[in-house]
Protein backbone atom coordinates (compact mmCIF):
# COMPACT_ATOMS: atom_id res chain seq x y z
CA MET A 1 -63.33 137.74 10.88
CA SER A 2 -65.15 140.43 12.18
CA ALA A 3 -67.10 140.27 14.76
CA GLU A 4 -69.99 142.08 12.60
CA GLY A 5 -69.49 138.54 10.75
CA ARG A 6 -70.50 135.91 12.83
CA ALA A 7 -73.03 134.38 13.57
CA THR A 8 -74.84 134.03 16.79
CA ARG A 9 -76.90 130.90 17.80
CA GLU A 10 -79.26 131.61 20.43
CA PHE A 11 -79.48 129.63 23.18
CA THR A 12 -83.32 127.83 23.98
CA GLY A 13 -85.22 125.81 25.99
CA ARG A 14 -84.31 123.29 23.39
CA HIS A 15 -80.74 123.23 24.42
CA MET A 16 -81.37 123.51 27.91
CA ALA A 17 -83.85 120.30 27.34
CA ILE A 18 -80.76 118.56 26.33
CA ILE A 19 -77.86 119.82 28.69
CA MET A 20 -80.66 118.27 31.73
CA VAL A 21 -81.04 114.82 30.23
CA ALA A 22 -77.77 114.55 29.45
CA PHE A 23 -76.95 115.67 32.84
CA PHE A 24 -79.43 113.77 35.02
CA GLY A 25 -79.02 110.87 31.72
CA THR A 26 -75.29 110.94 33.30
CA VAL A 27 -75.93 110.79 37.18
CA ILE A 28 -78.79 107.74 36.92
CA SER A 29 -76.87 105.25 34.71
CA VAL A 30 -73.82 105.59 37.07
CA ASN A 31 -75.96 105.13 40.22
CA VAL A 32 -77.80 102.04 38.31
CA THR A 33 -74.04 100.48 37.43
CA MET A 34 -72.77 101.36 40.87
CA ALA A 35 -76.12 100.03 42.58
CA TRP A 36 -75.79 96.46 40.33
CA TYR A 37 -72.48 95.75 40.99
CA ALA A 38 -73.44 96.30 44.74
CA GLU A 39 -75.79 94.17 44.64
CA THR A 40 -74.27 91.39 42.79
CA THR A 41 -70.59 91.21 44.60
CA TRP A 42 -71.28 90.81 48.09
CA SER A 43 -74.80 89.62 50.19
CA GLY A 44 -73.27 91.24 53.03
CA LEU A 45 -74.89 88.08 54.90
CA VAL A 46 -72.26 86.66 57.44
CA VAL A 47 -74.13 83.63 58.32
CA SER A 48 -76.99 82.42 56.19
CA ASN A 49 -79.05 82.33 59.49
CA SER A 50 -78.81 84.90 62.24
CA TYR A 51 -81.55 82.95 64.71
CA VAL A 52 -79.43 79.62 64.05
CA ALA A 53 -76.75 81.03 64.35
CA SER A 54 -77.34 83.09 67.91
CA GLN A 55 -78.28 79.24 69.21
CA THR A 56 -74.77 78.69 69.83
CA PHE A 57 -73.34 81.72 71.40
CA ASP A 58 -72.65 80.57 74.69
CA THR A 59 -70.53 77.41 72.97
CA ASP A 60 -68.94 79.00 70.77
CA THR A 61 -68.01 81.45 72.97
CA ALA A 62 -66.41 78.55 75.26
CA VAL A 63 -64.44 77.61 72.46
CA ARG A 64 -62.80 80.70 71.96
CA GLU A 65 -61.52 80.77 75.00
CA ARG A 66 -60.20 77.46 75.30
CA GLU A 67 -58.46 78.75 71.85
CA ILE A 68 -57.09 81.56 73.62
CA ALA A 69 -55.90 79.77 76.54
CA ARG A 70 -53.49 77.44 74.35
CA GLY A 71 -51.61 80.52 73.99
CA TRP A 72 -51.03 79.66 70.20
CA ARG A 73 -49.82 82.73 67.17
CA VAL A 74 -49.99 82.41 64.13
CA ASP A 75 -48.35 84.60 61.15
CA THR A 76 -48.95 84.72 57.11
CA SER A 77 -47.41 86.00 54.47
CA TYR A 78 -47.67 85.01 50.66
CA LEU A 79 -45.66 85.90 48.46
CA ASP A 80 -44.82 84.30 44.68
CA GLY A 81 -48.05 81.83 44.54
CA ARG A 82 -47.13 80.63 48.42
CA PHE A 83 -49.44 81.07 51.38
CA ARG A 84 -46.92 80.04 54.09
CA LEU A 85 -48.21 79.85 57.75
CA HIS A 86 -46.02 80.03 61.23
CA LEU A 87 -47.51 78.21 63.86
CA ARG A 88 -45.92 78.95 67.28
CA ASP A 89 -46.84 77.95 71.03
CA ALA A 90 -46.99 80.29 74.16
CA ALA A 91 -43.75 79.81 74.66
CA GLY A 92 -42.89 81.80 71.13
CA ARG A 93 -41.49 77.62 69.84
CA PRO A 94 -42.63 76.28 66.45
CA ILE A 95 -45.83 73.56 66.33
CA GLU A 96 -44.73 71.46 64.28
CA GLY A 97 -47.26 67.93 63.44
CA ALA A 98 -50.27 69.67 62.52
CA ALA A 99 -52.64 69.00 59.73
CA VAL A 100 -53.68 72.45 58.70
CA THR A 101 -56.19 73.69 56.41
CA VAL A 102 -56.78 77.30 54.98
CA THR A 103 -59.97 78.18 53.70
CA ILE A 104 -58.58 81.62 51.84
CA GLY A 105 -61.44 84.01 50.49
CA HIS A 106 -62.03 87.87 49.79
CA PRO A 107 -63.64 89.30 52.45
CA VAL A 108 -66.26 91.05 49.75
CA ASN A 109 -67.58 88.09 47.42
CA ALA A 110 -67.53 84.17 48.23
CA ASN A 111 -66.80 83.60 44.85
CA PHE A 112 -63.10 83.13 45.56
CA ASP A 113 -63.12 81.17 48.22
CA ARG A 114 -60.85 78.08 47.89
CA THR A 115 -60.31 75.64 50.62
CA PHE A 116 -56.85 74.05 50.44
CA THR A 117 -54.35 71.88 53.53
CA LEU A 118 -50.81 72.84 54.14
CA SER A 119 -48.40 71.18 54.43
CA PRO A 120 -44.72 71.05 56.35
CA ALA A 121 -42.62 73.56 55.09
CA GLY A 122 -39.39 74.48 57.30
CA GLY A 123 -40.35 75.09 60.78
CA ALA A 124 -44.10 76.47 58.84
CA TYR A 125 -46.93 75.05 56.62
CA GLU A 126 -47.40 76.44 52.61
CA GLY A 127 -49.52 75.63 50.20
CA ALA A 128 -49.62 76.98 46.74
CA THR A 129 -52.21 79.37 45.85
CA ALA A 130 -53.12 82.05 42.99
CA LEU A 131 -54.44 85.42 44.77
CA THR A 132 -55.06 88.75 43.05
CA ALA A 133 -54.13 91.67 44.57
CA GLY A 134 -55.93 93.76 47.25
CA ARG A 135 -57.81 92.40 50.76
CA TRP A 136 -57.68 88.25 51.22
CA GLU A 137 -58.91 86.53 54.46
CA ALA A 138 -56.94 83.59 55.67
CA ARG A 139 -59.94 81.23 57.97
CA VAL A 140 -57.36 78.86 59.19
CA THR A 141 -58.31 75.51 60.89
CA ILE A 142 -55.83 73.60 63.13
CA ASP A 143 -55.53 70.56 64.35
CA LYS A 144 -53.10 68.68 66.72
CA ASP A 145 -52.58 65.58 68.62
CA GLY A 146 -56.42 64.73 69.31
CA LEU A 147 -57.10 68.46 70.88
CA ALA A 148 -60.00 70.23 69.96
CA PRO A 149 -59.69 71.79 66.32
CA TRP A 150 -58.36 75.61 67.04
CA HIS A 151 -59.93 78.49 64.56
CA ARG A 152 -58.21 81.22 63.57
CA ALA A 153 -59.04 83.87 61.09
CA VAL A 154 -56.30 86.13 59.67
CA ARG A 155 -56.60 89.31 56.96
CA PHE A 156 -53.86 89.88 54.62
CA SER A 157 -52.71 92.54 51.80
CA VAL A 158 -52.10 91.39 48.22
CA ARG A 159 -49.74 93.78 47.02
């Protein structure tokens, strides 16, 4: 076919209007979708009422200082549906005979939170739970020998 036989189409204002509507329609629909996901997956709140939480700041700080003074350390791992926690004292010896409760949650979606008690398992504490790949946070509470509960938050990744 020769160049003279081809019909050329004229680019009109209507074509430009269609391109503009398609472009901005795509941008706006993506922004609305992302805003909807941001709004429905995480409230952004760490505490429901910051004023009430601030009233116990000094007490909470003193509790944290007493927990640090104990020198306890935790190491966590997750493998094949088992969450494992190693609890050690200041000298590095395993701490046995404690009641260990864990709340595992997704940092940005409270709907995934779950609480369970870990059982002693060969110098550590262990419990079964199913976690998807990603970042998780374990909030550990340990009761031992009538002492005040010991708390720690540990972030970990599941691959």
